[in-house]
PDB file of N, CA and C in Angstrom:
ATOM      1  N   UNK A   1     116.571  91.131  89.090  1.00  0.00           N
ATOM      2  CA  UNK A   1     117.494  90.826  90.163  1.00  0.00           C
ATOM      3  C   UNK A   1     118.765  91.666  90.036  1.00  0.00           C
ATOM      4  N   UNK A   2     119.219  91.862  88.815  1.00  0.00           N
ATOM      5  CA  UNK A   2     120.441  92.636  88.608  1.00  0.00           C
ATOM      6  C   UNK A   2     120.282  94.073  89.105  1.00  0.00           C
ATOM      7  N   UNK A   3     119.119  94.676  88.891  1.00  0.00           N
ATOM      8  CA  UNK A   3     118.879  96.051  89.352  1.00  0.00           C
ATOM      9  C   UNK A   3     118.929  96.127  90.873  1.00  0.00           C
ATOM     10  N   UNK A   4     118.466  95.099  91.548  1.00  0.00           N
ATOM     11  CA  UNK A   4     118.499  95.065  93.013  1.00  0.00           C
ATOM     12  C   UNK A   4     119.944  94.948  93.507  1.00  0.00           C
ATOM     13  N   UNK A   5     120.707  94.073  92.892  1.00  0.00           N
ATOM     14  CA  UNK A   5     122.103  93.857  93.290  1.00  0.00           C
ATOM     15  C   UNK A   5     122.921  95.128  93.073  1.00  0.00           C
ATOM     16  N   UNK A   6     122.693  95.819  91.970  1.00  0.00           N
ATOM     17  CA  UNK A   6     123.433  97.052  91.688  1.00  0.00           C
ATOM     18  C   UNK A   6     123.139  98.142  92.713  1.00  0.00           C
ATOM     19  N   UNK A   7     122.009  98.042  93.403  1.00  0.00           N
ATOM     20  CA  UNK A   7     121.663  99.005  94.450  1.00  0.00           C
ATOM     21  C   UNK A   7     122.222  98.587  95.805  1.00  0.00           C
ATOM     22  N   UNK A   8     122.890  97.442  95.836  1.00  0.00           N
ATOM     23  CA  UNK A   8     123.465  96.966  97.086  1.00  0.00           C
ATOM     24  C   UNK A   8     122.500  96.162  97.931  1.00  0.00           C
ATOM     25  N   UNK A   9     121.371  95.783  97.369  1.00  0.00           N
ATOM     26  CA  UNK A   9     120.416  94.955  98.104  1.00  0.00           C
ATOM     27  C   UNK A   9     120.848  93.497  98.007  1.00  0.00           C
ATOM     28  N   UNK A  10     120.950  92.839  99.138  1.00  0.00           N
ATOM     29  CA  UNK A  10     121.282  91.417  99.138  1.00  0.00           C
ATOM     30  C   UNK A  10     120.064  90.606  98.733  1.00  0.00           C
ATOM     31  N   UNK A  11     120.250  89.648  97.875  1.00  0.00           N
ATOM     32  CA  UNK A  11     119.146  88.797  97.439  1.00  0.00           C
ATOM     33  C   UNK A  11     119.289  87.419  98.054  1.00  0.00           C
ATOM     34  N   UNK A  12     118.169  86.861  98.452  1.00  0.00           N
ATOM     35  CA  UNK A  12     118.141  85.539  99.057  1.00  0.00           C
ATOM     36  C   UNK A  12     117.155  84.678  98.293  1.00  0.00           C
ATOM     37  N   UNK A  13     117.455  83.403  98.213  1.00  0.00           N
ATOM     38  CA  UNK A  13     116.618  82.461  97.484  1.00  0.00           C
ATOM     39  C   UNK A  13     116.181  81.358  98.432  1.00  0.00           C
ATOM     40  N   UNK A  14     115.037  80.768  98.139  1.00  0.00           N
ATOM     41  CA  UNK A  14     114.494  79.716  98.985  1.00  0.00           C
ATOM     42  C   UNK A  14     113.930  78.633  98.089  1.00  0.00           C
ATOM     43  N   UNK A  15     114.304  77.404  98.370  1.00  0.00           N
ATOM     44  CA  UNK A  15     113.730  76.273  97.638  1.00  0.00           C
ATOM     45  C   UNK A  15     113.553  75.130  98.607  1.00  0.00           C
ATOM     46  N   UNK A  16     112.374  74.607  98.629  1.00  0.00           N
ATOM     47  CA  UNK A  16     112.070  73.476  99.495  1.00  0.00           C
ATOM     48  C   UNK A  16     111.500  72.360  98.627  1.00  0.00           C
ATOM     49  N   UNK A  17     112.050  71.188  98.781  1.00  0.00           N
ATOM     50  CA  UNK A  17     111.562  70.043  98.009  1.00  0.00           C
ATOM     51  C   UNK A  17     110.095  69.778  98.343  1.00  0.00           C
ATOM     52  N   UNK A  18     109.349  69.323  97.376  1.00  0.00           N
ATOM     53  CA  UNK A  18     107.935  68.965  97.542  1.00  0.00           C
ATOM     54  C   UNK A  18     107.089  70.131  98.042  1.00  0.00           C
ATOM     55  N   UNK A  19     107.406  71.332  97.620  1.00  0.00           N
ATOM     56  CA  UNK A  19     106.643  72.504  98.032  1.00  0.00           C
ATOM     57  C   UNK A  19     106.127  73.231  96.800  1.00  0.00           C
ATOM     58  N   UNK A  20     104.932  73.784  96.924  1.00  0.00           N
ATOM     59  CA  UNK A  20     104.382  74.573  95.824  1.00  0.00           C
ATOM     60  C   UNK A  20     104.728  76.048  95.974  1.00  0.00           C
ATOM     61  N   UNK A  21     105.380  76.403  97.077  1.00  0.00           N
ATOM     62  CA  UNK A  21     105.790  77.782  97.303  1.00  0.00           C
ATOM     63  C   UNK A  21     106.840  78.177  96.270  1.00  0.00           C
ATOM     64  N   UNK A  22     106.561  79.255  95.566  1.00  0.00           N
ATOM     65  CA  UNK A  22     107.489  79.683  94.523  1.00  0.00           C
ATOM     66  C   UNK A  22     107.657  81.197  94.578  1.00  0.00           C
ATOM     67  N   UNK A  23     108.816  81.633  94.994  1.00  0.00           N
ATOM     68  CA  UNK A  23     109.167  83.054  94.987  1.00  0.00           C
ATOM     69  C   UNK A  23     110.452  83.202  94.193  1.00  0.00           C
ATOM     70  N   UNK A  24     110.567  84.294  93.473  1.00  0.00           N
ATOM     71  CA  UNK A  24     111.774  84.501  92.677  1.00  0.00           C
ATOM     72  C   UNK A  24     112.974  84.791  93.575  1.00  0.00           C
ATOM     73  N   UNK A  25     112.795  85.690  94.535  1.00  0.00           N
ATOM     74  CA  UNK A  25     113.836  85.955  95.520  1.00  0.00           C
ATOM     75  C   UNK A  25     113.273  86.778  96.664  1.00  0.00           C
ATOM     76  N   UNK A  26     114.102  86.983  97.688  1.00  0.00           N
ATOM     77  CA  UNK A  26     113.731  87.758  98.869  1.00  0.00           C
ATOM     78  C   UNK A  26     114.766  88.856  99.077  1.00  0.00           C
ATOM     79  N   UNK A  27     114.309  89.963  99.639  1.00  0.00           N
ATOM     80  CA  UNK A  27     115.187  91.067 100.015  1.00  0.00           C
ATOM     81  C   UNK A  27     115.021  91.268 101.512  1.00  0.00           C
ATOM     82  N   UNK A  28     116.124  91.488 102.212  1.00  0.00           N
ATOM     83  CA  UNK A  28     116.082  91.710 103.664  1.00  0.00           C
ATOM     84  C   UNK A  28     116.321  93.189 103.936  1.00  0.00           C
ATOM     85  N   UNK A  29     115.422  93.808 104.714  1.00  0.00           N
ATOM     86  CA  UNK A  29     115.651  95.160 105.217  1.00  0.00           C
ATOM     87  C   UNK A  29     115.887  95.031 106.714  1.00  0.00           C
ATOM     88  N   UNK A  30     116.046  96.146 107.388  1.00  0.00           N
ATOM     89  CA  UNK A  30     116.295  96.098 108.827  1.00  0.00           C
ATOM     90  C   UNK A  30     115.126  95.459 109.576  1.00  0.00           C
ATOM     91  N   UNK A  31     113.907  95.691 109.107  1.00  0.00           N
ATOM     92  CA  UNK A  31     112.726  95.222 109.827  1.00  0.00           C
ATOM     93  C   UNK A  31     111.947  94.109 109.144  1.00  0.00           C
ATOM     94  N   UNK A  32     112.190  93.878 107.870  1.00  0.00           N
ATOM     95  CA  UNK A  32     111.341  92.957 107.116  1.00  0.00           C
ATOM     96  C   UNK A  32     112.125  92.033 106.197  1.00  0.00           C
ATOM     97  N   UNK A  33     111.496  90.904 105.924  1.00  0.00           N
ATOM     98  CA  UNK A  33     111.919  90.021 104.848  1.00  0.00           C
ATOM     99  C   UNK A  33     110.861  90.199 103.768  1.00  0.00           C
ATOM    100  N   UNK A  34     111.268  90.587 102.577  1.00  0.00           N
ATOM    101  CA  UNK A  34     110.317  90.953 101.534  1.00  0.00           C
ATOM    102  C   UNK A  34     110.417  89.980 100.365  1.00  0.00           C
ATOM    103  N   UNK A  35     109.356  89.203 100.139  1.00  0.00           N
ATOM    104  CA  UNK A  35     109.346  88.330  98.966  1.00  0.00           C
ATOM    105  C   UNK A  35     109.120  89.159  97.702  1.00  0.00           C
ATOM    106  N   UNK A  36     109.827  88.807  96.640  1.00  0.00           N
ATOM    107  CA  UNK A  36     109.724  89.532  95.372  1.00  0.00           C
ATOM    108  C   UNK A  36     109.397  88.539  94.268  1.00  0.00           C
ATOM    109  N   UNK A  37     108.378  88.882  93.484  1.00  0.00           N
ATOM    110  CA  UNK A  37     108.026  88.078  92.313  1.00  0.00           C
ATOM    111  C   UNK A  37     108.194  88.929  91.071  1.00  0.00           C
ATOM    112  N   UNK A  38     108.704  88.322  90.032  1.00  0.00           N
ATOM    113  CA  UNK A  38     108.795  88.966  88.731  1.00  0.00           C
ATOM    114  C   UNK A  38     107.848  88.195  87.821  1.00  0.00           C
ATOM    115  N   UNK A  39     106.817  88.894  87.343  1.00  0.00           N
ATOM    116  CA  UNK A  39     105.760  88.232  86.574  1.00  0.00           C
ATOM    117  C   UNK A  39     105.808  88.660  85.112  1.00  0.00           C
ATOM    118  N   UNK A  40     105.556  87.713  84.228  1.00  0.00           N
ATOM    119  CA  UNK A  40     105.476  88.043  82.809  1.00  0.00           C
ATOM    120  C   UNK A  40     104.039  88.339  82.396  1.00  0.00           C
ATOM    121  N   UNK A  41     103.105  88.114  83.318  1.00  0.00           N
ATOM    122  CA  UNK A  41     101.697  88.413  83.045  1.00  0.00           C
ATOM    123  C   UNK A  41     101.047  88.946  84.321  1.00  0.00           C
ATOM    124  N   UNK A  42      99.785  89.219  84.275  1.00  0.00           N
ATOM    125  CA  UNK A  42      99.111  89.818  85.431  1.00  0.00           C
ATOM    126  C   UNK A  42      98.407  88.783  86.308  1.00  0.00           C
ATOM    127  N   UNK A  43      98.830  87.540  86.239  1.00  0.00           N
ATOM    128  CA  UNK A  43      98.223  86.499  87.073  1.00  0.00           C
ATOM    129  C   UNK A  43      98.372  86.825  88.552  1.00  0.00           C
ATOM    130  N   UNK A  44      97.480  86.233  89.351  1.00  0.00           N
ATOM    131  CA  UNK A  44      97.571  86.403  90.796  1.00  0.00           C
ATOM    132  C   UNK A  44      98.854  85.789  91.325  1.00  0.00           C
ATOM    133  N   UNK A  45      99.328  86.347  92.407  1.00  0.00           N
ATOM    134  CA  UNK A  45     100.541  85.850  93.053  1.00  0.00           C
ATOM    135  C   UNK A  45     100.145  85.029  94.268  1.00  0.00           C
ATOM    136  N   UNK A  46      99.794  83.772  94.044  1.00  0.00           N
ATOM    137  CA  UNK A  46      99.301  82.926  95.138  1.00  0.00           C
ATOM    138  C   UNK A  46     100.351  82.705  96.216  1.00  0.00           C
ATOM    139  N   UNK A  47     101.578  82.427  95.823  1.00  0.00           N
ATOM    140  CA  UNK A  47     102.639  82.206  96.809  1.00  0.00           C
ATOM    141  C   UNK A  47     102.904  83.465  97.612  1.00  0.00           C
ATOM    142  N   UNK A  48     102.913  84.600  96.945  1.00  0.00           N
ATOM    143  CA  UNK A  48     103.160  85.876  97.608  1.00  0.00           C
ATOM    144  C   UNK A  48     102.065  86.166  98.631  1.00  0.00           C
ATOM    145  N   UNK A  49     100.824  86.013  98.248  1.00  0.00           N
ATOM    146  CA  UNK A  49      99.698  86.227  99.169  1.00  0.00           C
ATOM    147  C   UNK A  49      99.752  85.262 100.338  1.00  0.00           C
ATOM    148  N   UNK A  50     100.083  84.028 100.064  1.00  0.00           N
ATOM    149  CA  UNK A  50     100.167  82.999 101.103  1.00  0.00           C
ATOM    150  C   UNK A  50     101.242  83.333 102.137  1.00  0.00           C
ATOM    151  N   UNK A  51     102.396  83.791 101.692  1.00  0.00           N
ATOM    152  CA  UNK A  51     103.477  84.159 102.613  1.00  0.00           C
ATOM    153  C   UNK A  51     103.078  85.333 103.506  1.00  0.00           C
ATOM    154  N   UNK A  52     102.435  86.331 102.927  1.00  0.00           N
ATOM    155  CA  UNK A  52     102.040  87.520 103.684  1.00  0.00           C
ATOM    156  C   UNK A  52     101.019  87.162 104.757  1.00  0.00           C
ATOM    157  N   UNK A  53     100.107  86.264 104.452  1.00  0.00           N
ATOM    158  CA  UNK A  53      99.041  85.887 105.393  1.00  0.00           C
ATOM    159  C   UNK A  53      99.496  84.876 106.440  1.00  0.00           C
ATOM    160  N   UNK A  54     100.590  84.178 106.196  1.00  0.00           N
ATOM    161  CA  UNK A  54     101.040  83.101 107.073  1.00  0.00           C
ATOM    162  C   UNK A  54     101.626  83.653 108.371  1.00  0.00           C
ATOM    163  N   UNK A  55     101.041  83.283 109.493  1.00  0.00           N
ATOM    164  CA  UNK A  55     101.481  83.767 110.803  1.00  0.00           C
ATOM    165  C   UNK A  55     102.855  83.226 111.209  1.00  0.00           C
ATOM    166  N   UNK A  56     103.327  82.182 110.553  1.00  0.00           N
ATOM    167  CA  UNK A  56     104.654  81.629 110.856  1.00  0.00           C
ATOM    168  C   UNK A  56     105.787  82.539 110.388  1.00  0.00           C
ATOM    169  N   UNK A  57     105.467  83.486 109.512  1.00  0.00           N
ATOM    170  CA  UNK A  57     106.478  84.388 108.960  1.00  0.00           C
ATOM    171  C   UNK A  57     106.170  85.815 109.398  1.00  0.00           C
ATOM    172  N   UNK A  58     106.407  86.107 110.661  1.00  0.00           N
ATOM    173  CA  UNK A  58     106.047  87.416 111.219  1.00  0.00           C
ATOM    174  C   UNK A  58     106.851  88.569 110.619  1.00  0.00           C
ATOM    175  N   UNK A  59     108.013  88.284 110.032  1.00  0.00           N
ATOM    176  CA  UNK A  59     108.801  89.365 109.436  1.00  0.00           C
ATOM    177  C   UNK A  59     108.443  89.622 107.971  1.00  0.00           C
ATOM    178  N   UNK A  60     107.424  88.910 107.461  1.00  0.00           N
ATOM    179  CA  UNK A  60     106.921  89.167 106.113  1.00  0.00           C
ATOM    180  C   UNK A  60     105.543  89.809 106.252  1.00  0.00           C
ATOM    181  N   UNK A  61     105.467  91.115 106.008  1.00  0.00           N
ATOM    182  CA  UNK A  61     104.185  91.810 106.128  1.00  0.00           C
ATOM    183  C   UNK A  61     103.694  92.352 104.789  1.00  0.00           C
ATOM    184  N   UNK A  62     104.562  92.363 103.791  1.00  0.00           N
ATOM    185  CA  UNK A  62     104.174  92.799 102.452  1.00  0.00           C
ATOM    186  C   UNK A  62     105.132  92.190 101.440  1.00  0.00           C
ATOM    187  N   UNK A  63     104.751  92.272 100.177  1.00  0.00           N
ATOM    188  CA  UNK A  63     105.587  91.744  99.112  1.00  0.00           C
ATOM    189  C   UNK A  63     105.645  92.710  97.944  1.00  0.00           C
ATOM    190  N   UNK A  64     106.518  92.410  97.018  1.00  0.00           N
ATOM    191  CA  UNK A  64     106.705  93.243  95.832  1.00  0.00           C
ATOM    192  C   UNK A  64     106.551  92.371  94.596  1.00  0.00           C
ATOM    193  N   UNK A  65     105.827  92.920  93.624  1.00  0.00           N
ATOM    194  CA  UNK A  65     105.639  92.222  92.357  1.00  0.00           C
ATOM    195  C   UNK A  65     106.058  93.164  91.233  1.00  0.00           C
ATOM    196  N   UNK A  66     107.005  92.728  90.433  1.00  0.00           N
ATOM    197  CA  UNK A  66     107.460  93.490  89.271  1.00  0.00           C
ATOM    198  C   UNK A  66     106.899  92.847  88.013  1.00  0.00           C
ATOM    199  N   UNK A  67     106.421  93.672  87.095  1.00  0.00           N
ATOM    200  CA  UNK A  67     105.874  93.112  85.873  1.00  0.00           C
ATOM    201  C   UNK A  67     105.490  94.187  84.883  1.00  0.00           C
ATOM    202  N   UNK A  68     104.686  93.803  83.939  1.00  0.00           N
ATOM    203  CA  UNK A  68     104.235  94.701  82.882  1.00  0.00           C
ATOM    204  C   UNK A  68     102.903  95.328  83.289  1.00  0.00           C
ATOM    205  N   UNK A  69     102.933  96.111  84.368  1.00  0.00           N
ATOM    206  CA  UNK A  69     101.726  96.777  84.856  1.00  0.00           C
ATOM    207  C   UNK A  69     102.105  98.061  85.582  1.00  0.00           C
ATOM    208  N   UNK A  70     101.103  98.809  86.021  1.00  0.00           N
ATOM    209  CA  UNK A  70     101.320 100.106  86.670  1.00  0.00           C
ATOM    210  C   UNK A  70     101.684  99.959  88.136  1.00  0.00           C
ATOM    211  N   UNK A  71     102.133 101.059  88.725  1.00  0.00           N
ATOM    212  CA  UNK A  71     102.397 101.116  90.159  1.00  0.00           C
ATOM    213  C   UNK A  71     101.067 100.966  90.886  1.00  0.00           C
ATOM    214  N   UNK A  72     101.060 100.145  91.931  1.00  0.00           N
ATOM    215  CA  UNK A  72      99.832  99.956  92.693  1.00  0.00           C
ATOM    216  C   UNK A  72     100.095  99.234  93.998  1.00  0.00           C
ATOM    217  N   UNK A  73      99.034  99.082  94.784  1.00  0.00           N
ATOM    218  CA  UNK A  73      99.117  98.387  96.065  1.00  0.00           C
ATOM    219  C   UNK A  73      97.753  97.789  96.362  1.00  0.00           C
ATOM    220  N   UNK A  74      97.722  96.498  96.585  1.00  0.00           N
ATOM    221  CA  UNK A  74      96.495  95.811  96.977  1.00  0.00           C
ATOM    222  C   UNK A  74      96.877  94.606  97.821  1.00  0.00           C
ATOM    223  N   UNK A  75      96.190  94.426  98.938  1.00  0.00           N
ATOM    224  CA  UNK A  75      96.412  93.271  99.811  1.00  0.00           C
ATOM    225  C   UNK A  75      97.872  93.124 100.235  1.00  0.00           C
ATOM    226  N   UNK A  76      98.513  94.236 100.545  1.00  0.00           N
ATOM    227  CA  UNK A  76      99.915  94.267 100.992  1.00  0.00           C
ATOM    228  C   UNK A  76     100.904  93.785  99.936  1.00  0.00           C
ATOM    229  N   UNK A  77     100.508  93.867  98.689  1.00  0.00           N
ATOM    230  CA  UNK A  77     101.409  93.566  97.574  1.00  0.00           C
ATOM    231  C   UNK A  77     101.579  94.845  96.764  1.00  0.00           C
ATOM    232  N   UNK A  78     102.825  95.329  96.724  1.00  0.00           N
ATOM    233  CA  UNK A  78     103.141  96.532  95.963  1.00  0.00           C
ATOM    234  C   UNK A  78     103.566  96.104  94.567  1.00  0.00           C
ATOM    235  N   UNK A  79     102.933  96.682  93.553  1.00  0.00           N
ATOM    236  CA  UNK A  79     103.270  96.332  92.177  1.00  0.00           C
ATOM    237  C   UNK A  79     103.995  97.497  91.510  1.00  0.00           C
ATOM    238  N   UNK A  80     104.971  97.139  90.688  1.00  0.00           N
ATOM    239  CA  UNK A  80     105.775  98.122  89.975  1.00  0.00           C
ATOM    240  C   UNK A  80     106.063  97.610  88.573  1.00  0.00           C
ATOM    241  N   UNK A  81     106.148  98.520  87.600  1.00  0.00           N
ATOM    242  CA  UNK A  81     106.620  98.094  86.282  1.00  0.00           C
ATOM    243  C   UNK A  81     108.107  97.737  86.366  1.00  0.00           C
ATOM    244  N   UNK A  82     108.539  96.893  85.457  1.00  0.00           N
ATOM    245  CA  UNK A  82     109.939  96.446  85.461  1.00  0.00           C
ATOM    246  C   UNK A  82     110.928  97.607  85.572  1.00  0.00           C
ATOM    247  N   UNK A  83     110.670  98.675  84.828  1.00  0.00           N
ATOM    248  CA  UNK A  83     111.650  99.755  84.757  1.00  0.00           C
ATOM    249  C   UNK A  83     111.825 100.507  86.074  1.00  0.00           C
ATOM    250  N   UNK A  84     110.964 100.262  87.058  1.00  0.00           N
ATOM    251  CA  UNK A  84     111.107 100.919  88.367  1.00  0.00           C
ATOM    252  C   UNK A  84     112.022 100.142  89.320  1.00  0.00           C
ATOM    253  N   UNK A  85     112.507  99.003  88.913  1.00  0.00           N
ATOM    254  CA  UNK A  85     113.336  98.174  89.799  1.00  0.00           C
ATOM    255  C   UNK A  85     114.573  98.928  90.284  1.00  0.00           C
ATOM    256  N   UNK A  86     115.088  99.838  89.470  1.00  0.00           N
ATOM    257  CA  UNK A  86     116.298 100.563  89.867  1.00  0.00           C
ATOM    258  C   UNK A  86     116.046 101.531  91.027  1.00  0.00           C
ATOM    259  N   UNK A  87     114.786 101.814  91.367  1.00  0.00           N
ATOM    260  CA  UNK A  87     114.442 102.712  92.469  1.00  0.00           C
ATOM    261  C   UNK A  87     114.009 101.954  93.724  1.00  0.00           C
ATOM    262  N   UNK A  88     114.117 100.655  93.719  1.00  0.00           N
ATOM    263  CA  UNK A  88     113.557  99.850  94.799  1.00  0.00           C
ATOM    264  C   UNK A  88     114.201 100.125  96.154  1.00  0.00           C
ATOM    265  N   UNK A  89     115.495 100.290  96.220  1.00  0.00           N
ATOM    266  CA  UNK A  89     116.158 100.544  97.500  1.00  0.00           C
ATOM    267  C   UNK A  89     115.629 101.835  98.125  1.00  0.00           C
ATOM    268  N   UNK A  90     115.496 102.854  97.317  1.00  0.00           N
ATOM    269  CA  UNK A  90     114.963 104.137  97.795  1.00  0.00           C
ATOM    270  C   UNK A  90     113.526 103.969  98.305  1.00  0.00           C
ATOM    271  N   UNK A  91     112.726 103.232  97.572  1.00  0.00           N
ATOM    272  CA  UNK A  91     111.338 103.003  97.975  1.00  0.00           C
ATOM    273  C   UNK A  91     111.266 102.213  99.283  1.00  0.00           C
ATOM    274  N   UNK A  92     112.068 101.186  99.420  1.00  0.00           N
ATOM    275  CA  UNK A  92     112.052 100.363 100.632  1.00  0.00           C
ATOM    276  C   UNK A  92     112.439 101.178 101.862  1.00  0.00           C
ATOM    277  N   UNK A  93     113.346 102.120 101.713  1.00  0.00           N
ATOM    278  CA  UNK A  93     113.717 102.991 102.836  1.00  0.00           C
ATOM    279  C   UNK A  93     112.527 103.822 103.296  1.00  0.00           C
ATOM    280  N   UNK A  94     111.711 104.264 102.360  1.00  0.00           N
ATOM    281  CA  UNK A  94     110.564 105.113 102.695  1.00  0.00           C
ATOM    282  C   UNK A  94     109.458 104.345 103.413  1.00  0.00           C
ATOM    283  N   UNK A  95     109.252 103.099 103.055  1.00  0.00           N
ATOM    284  CA  UNK A  95     108.138 102.368 103.674  1.00  0.00           C
ATOM    285  C   UNK A  95     108.552 101.596 104.918  1.00  0.00           C
ATOM    286  N   UNK A  96     109.823 101.544 105.231  1.00  0.00           N
ATOM    287  CA  UNK A  96     110.266 100.842 106.443  1.00  0.00           C
ATOM    288  C   UNK A  96     110.387 101.766 107.596  1.00  0.00           C
TER     289      UNK A  96
END
């Protein structure tokens, strides 16, 4: 989160009582609301996948997962190793 803030990206948080939805934070771009998960393992991101597929959230079309893994993209989830977080603003400009 600190790397995102240092790039000038505003971070947003969401918590709803009695909900299993769990996202670490969200980033807003001009066209999208992007859920971001920071994972300590390579487990599936059920909440992230659920948000992307949910038609009620038309401004969420992809998500970002940071963790101990390589750069990749599957099912509209972009994965990055932790150390790439400092380049996220630049990357978001390219894909928007």
